N, C-alpha and C. Protein backbone atom coordinates (compact mmCIF):
# COMPACT_ATOMS: atom_id res chain seq x y z
N MET A 1 -8.90 10.32 -3.18
CA MET A 1 -9.39 9.49 -4.26
C MET A 1 -10.37 10.34 -5.07
N GLU A 2 -10.15 10.34 -6.38
CA GLU A 2 -11.02 11.11 -7.26
C GLU A 2 -12.26 10.30 -7.62
N ILE A 3 -13.34 11.00 -7.90
CA ILE A 3 -14.60 10.38 -8.31
C ILE A 3 -14.94 10.88 -9.70
N VAL A 4 -15.22 9.94 -10.63
CA VAL A 4 -15.61 10.32 -11.98
C VAL A 4 -16.86 9.55 -12.37
N GLY A 5 -17.66 10.13 -13.23
CA GLY A 5 -18.86 9.46 -13.74
C GLY A 5 -18.50 8.42 -14.78
N ALA A 6 -19.42 7.50 -15.02
CA ALA A 6 -19.19 6.41 -15.96
C ALA A 6 -18.92 6.93 -17.37
N TYR A 7 -19.63 7.95 -17.79
CA TYR A 7 -19.43 8.48 -19.14
C TYR A 7 -18.02 9.06 -19.28
N GLU A 8 -17.62 9.82 -18.28
CA GLU A 8 -16.27 10.40 -18.31
C GLU A 8 -15.22 9.29 -18.28
N ALA A 9 -15.44 8.27 -17.48
CA ALA A 9 -14.51 7.15 -17.38
C ALA A 9 -14.37 6.45 -18.73
N LYS A 10 -15.50 6.26 -19.41
CA LYS A 10 -15.46 5.60 -20.71
C LYS A 10 -14.72 6.47 -21.72
N THR A 11 -14.98 7.75 -21.69
CA THR A 11 -14.39 8.68 -22.64
C THR A 11 -12.89 8.85 -22.43
N HIS A 12 -12.46 8.82 -21.17
CA HIS A 12 -11.06 9.09 -20.85
C HIS A 12 -10.36 7.91 -20.18
N LEU A 13 -10.77 6.70 -20.54
CA LEU A 13 -10.24 5.51 -19.86
C LEU A 13 -8.72 5.43 -19.93
N SER A 14 -8.13 5.67 -21.08
CA SER A 14 -6.68 5.54 -21.19
C SER A 14 -5.96 6.53 -20.27
N LYS A 15 -6.48 7.74 -20.14
CA LYS A 15 -5.88 8.73 -19.24
C LYS A 15 -6.04 8.30 -17.79
N LEU A 16 -7.20 7.76 -17.46
CA LEU A 16 -7.42 7.29 -16.09
C LEU A 16 -6.49 6.13 -15.76
N LEU A 17 -6.32 5.22 -16.70
CA LEU A 17 -5.43 4.08 -16.46
C LEU A 17 -3.99 4.54 -16.28
N GLU A 18 -3.59 5.55 -17.01
CA GLU A 18 -2.25 6.11 -16.85
C GLU A 18 -2.06 6.65 -15.43
N ARG A 19 -3.08 7.33 -14.92
CA ARG A 19 -3.02 7.85 -13.55
C ARG A 19 -2.97 6.72 -12.52
N VAL A 20 -3.72 5.67 -12.81
CA VAL A 20 -3.74 4.52 -11.89
C VAL A 20 -2.37 3.86 -11.84
N THR A 21 -1.69 3.78 -12.98
CA THR A 21 -0.34 3.18 -12.97
C THR A 21 0.62 3.98 -12.12
N LYS A 22 0.30 5.24 -11.87
CA LYS A 22 1.14 6.09 -11.02
C LYS A 22 0.72 6.01 -9.55
N GLY A 23 -0.26 5.17 -9.24
CA GLY A 23 -0.64 4.93 -7.86
C GLY A 23 -1.97 5.51 -7.41
N GLU A 24 -2.67 6.22 -8.28
CA GLU A 24 -3.95 6.83 -7.88
C GLU A 24 -5.06 5.78 -7.83
N ARG A 25 -6.06 6.06 -7.00
CA ARG A 25 -7.31 5.28 -6.95
C ARG A 25 -8.42 6.19 -7.45
N ILE A 26 -9.26 5.67 -8.32
CA ILE A 26 -10.33 6.47 -8.92
C ILE A 26 -11.63 5.70 -8.78
N THR A 27 -12.63 6.33 -8.18
CA THR A 27 -13.95 5.73 -8.04
C THR A 27 -14.81 6.13 -9.24
N ILE A 28 -15.49 5.16 -9.82
CA ILE A 28 -16.39 5.41 -10.95
C ILE A 28 -17.82 5.31 -10.44
N THR A 29 -18.62 6.31 -10.79
CA THR A 29 -20.01 6.33 -10.34
C THR A 29 -20.95 6.24 -11.53
N LYS A 30 -22.15 5.78 -11.24
CA LYS A 30 -23.22 5.76 -12.23
C LYS A 30 -24.41 6.44 -11.57
N HIS A 31 -24.81 7.57 -12.11
CA HIS A 31 -25.88 8.37 -11.53
C HIS A 31 -25.57 8.72 -10.07
N GLY A 32 -24.29 9.01 -9.81
CA GLY A 32 -23.88 9.42 -8.47
C GLY A 32 -23.62 8.31 -7.49
N VAL A 33 -23.86 7.07 -7.89
CA VAL A 33 -23.67 5.92 -7.00
C VAL A 33 -22.36 5.22 -7.37
N PRO A 34 -21.44 5.03 -6.43
CA PRO A 34 -20.18 4.33 -6.74
C PRO A 34 -20.45 2.90 -7.21
N VAL A 35 -19.82 2.54 -8.33
CA VAL A 35 -20.01 1.19 -8.87
C VAL A 35 -18.70 0.45 -9.08
N ALA A 36 -17.57 1.17 -9.12
CA ALA A 36 -16.29 0.51 -9.35
C ALA A 36 -15.16 1.39 -8.85
N VAL A 37 -14.02 0.75 -8.61
CA VAL A 37 -12.82 1.48 -8.23
C VAL A 37 -11.68 1.02 -9.13
N LEU A 38 -11.03 1.98 -9.77
CA LEU A 38 -9.80 1.68 -10.52
C LEU A 38 -8.66 1.90 -9.56
N GLN A 39 -7.81 0.89 -9.40
CA GLN A 39 -6.68 1.01 -8.50
C GLN A 39 -5.54 0.15 -9.01
N PRO A 40 -4.31 0.46 -8.60
CA PRO A 40 -3.18 -0.35 -9.04
C PRO A 40 -3.32 -1.79 -8.55
N VAL A 41 -2.77 -2.70 -9.31
CA VAL A 41 -2.78 -4.11 -8.94
C VAL A 41 -1.87 -4.31 -7.74
N ASP A 42 -2.35 -5.07 -6.76
CA ASP A 42 -1.54 -5.40 -5.60
C ASP A 42 -0.60 -6.53 -6.01
N GLN A 43 0.67 -6.23 -6.15
CA GLN A 43 1.64 -7.21 -6.64
C GLN A 43 1.74 -8.43 -5.72
N GLU A 44 1.46 -8.26 -4.43
CA GLU A 44 1.51 -9.39 -3.51
C GLU A 44 0.41 -10.39 -3.81
N LYS A 45 -0.68 -9.92 -4.39
CA LYS A 45 -1.79 -10.81 -4.72
C LYS A 45 -1.67 -11.36 -6.13
N ASN A 46 -0.67 -10.92 -6.88
CA ASN A 46 -0.47 -11.39 -8.24
C ASN A 46 -0.06 -12.86 -8.19
N ILE A 47 -0.85 -13.72 -8.81
CA ILE A 47 -0.66 -15.17 -8.71
C ILE A 47 0.15 -15.67 -9.91
N ASP A 48 1.11 -16.54 -9.62
CA ASP A 48 1.90 -17.16 -10.67
C ASP A 48 1.06 -18.29 -11.28
N THR A 49 0.53 -18.03 -12.46
CA THR A 49 -0.39 -18.97 -13.11
C THR A 49 0.25 -20.34 -13.33
N LYS A 50 1.50 -20.36 -13.78
CA LYS A 50 2.17 -21.64 -14.03
C LYS A 50 2.30 -22.46 -12.75
N ALA A 51 2.58 -21.80 -11.64
CA ALA A 51 2.71 -22.51 -10.36
C ALA A 51 1.36 -23.10 -9.95
N VAL A 52 0.28 -22.38 -10.16
CA VAL A 52 -1.05 -22.87 -9.82
C VAL A 52 -1.39 -24.10 -10.67
N ILE A 53 -1.09 -24.04 -11.96
CA ILE A 53 -1.37 -25.17 -12.85
C ILE A 53 -0.57 -26.39 -12.42
N MET A 54 0.70 -26.20 -12.08
CA MET A 54 1.53 -27.32 -11.64
C MET A 54 0.98 -27.93 -10.34
N GLU A 55 0.53 -27.09 -9.43
CA GLU A 55 -0.05 -27.57 -8.17
C GLU A 55 -1.32 -28.37 -8.43
N LEU A 56 -2.16 -27.89 -9.35
CA LEU A 56 -3.38 -28.63 -9.71
C LEU A 56 -3.04 -29.99 -10.32
N ARG A 57 -2.03 -30.03 -11.15
CA ARG A 57 -1.62 -31.31 -11.75
C ARG A 57 -1.12 -32.29 -10.70
N ARG A 58 -0.34 -31.78 -9.73
CA ARG A 58 0.12 -32.65 -8.63
C ARG A 58 -1.07 -33.16 -7.82
N PHE A 59 -2.04 -32.29 -7.56
CA PHE A 59 -3.24 -32.69 -6.82
C PHE A 59 -3.99 -33.78 -7.56
N ARG A 60 -4.15 -33.61 -8.87
CA ARG A 60 -4.89 -34.60 -9.66
C ARG A 60 -4.20 -35.96 -9.66
N LYS A 61 -2.87 -35.99 -9.66
CA LYS A 61 -2.14 -37.26 -9.64
C LYS A 61 -2.34 -37.99 -8.31
N LYS A 62 -2.44 -37.23 -7.22
CA LYS A 62 -2.60 -37.83 -5.90
C LYS A 62 -4.05 -38.22 -5.59
N ASN A 63 -5.01 -37.55 -6.19
CA ASN A 63 -6.42 -37.75 -5.86
C ASN A 63 -7.19 -38.25 -7.08
N LYS A 64 -7.58 -39.50 -7.03
CA LYS A 64 -8.28 -40.12 -8.16
C LYS A 64 -9.78 -40.13 -7.91
N LEU A 65 -10.53 -40.20 -8.98
CA LEU A 65 -11.99 -40.21 -8.89
C LEU A 65 -12.57 -41.61 -8.73
N SER A 66 -11.73 -42.61 -8.68
CA SER A 66 -12.15 -44.00 -8.51
C SER A 66 -13.19 -44.41 -9.54
N GLY A 67 -12.99 -44.03 -10.78
CA GLY A 67 -13.88 -44.44 -11.85
C GLY A 67 -15.11 -43.58 -12.03
N LEU A 68 -15.35 -42.63 -11.15
CA LEU A 68 -16.51 -41.76 -11.29
C LEU A 68 -16.25 -40.71 -12.37
N SER A 69 -17.29 -40.40 -13.10
CA SER A 69 -17.18 -39.30 -14.05
C SER A 69 -17.68 -38.02 -13.39
N ILE A 70 -17.31 -36.91 -13.94
CA ILE A 70 -17.80 -35.64 -13.41
C ILE A 70 -19.32 -35.59 -13.50
N ARG A 71 -19.89 -36.09 -14.57
CA ARG A 71 -21.35 -36.10 -14.73
C ARG A 71 -21.99 -36.89 -13.60
N GLU A 72 -21.42 -38.05 -13.24
CA GLU A 72 -21.97 -38.86 -12.14
C GLU A 72 -21.91 -38.10 -10.82
N MET A 73 -20.82 -37.38 -10.59
CA MET A 73 -20.70 -36.62 -9.35
C MET A 73 -21.71 -35.46 -9.32
N ILE A 74 -21.92 -34.82 -10.45
CA ILE A 74 -22.91 -33.74 -10.52
C ILE A 74 -24.30 -34.30 -10.23
N ASP A 75 -24.61 -35.41 -10.88
CA ASP A 75 -25.93 -36.03 -10.66
C ASP A 75 -26.11 -36.46 -9.22
N GLU A 76 -25.04 -36.99 -8.60
CA GLU A 76 -25.12 -37.42 -7.21
C GLU A 76 -25.37 -36.23 -6.28
N GLY A 77 -24.78 -35.10 -6.59
CA GLY A 77 -24.97 -33.91 -5.79
C GLY A 77 -26.36 -33.31 -5.89
N ARG A 78 -27.11 -33.67 -6.93
CA ARG A 78 -28.46 -33.13 -7.13
C ARG A 78 -29.51 -33.93 -6.37
N LYS A 79 -29.15 -35.07 -5.83
CA LYS A 79 -30.15 -35.91 -5.14
C LYS A 79 -30.49 -35.37 -3.80
């Protein structure tokens, strides 16, 4: 894994991203301290947004608030 400084990362971001698409991992440091890692996206963790929205809609149809508003629930939680 290569290590690059924040300034270099900012200056050469497009080149670094190209390398990441080829499978490399690159650590970005600020004053020598690691602060971020550029790495390829894990496709197994890639979430199907439409499926999540549909699941939330199904959940909302099954679970009602019984007349409570979100504001009332927030206020109740603050007591």
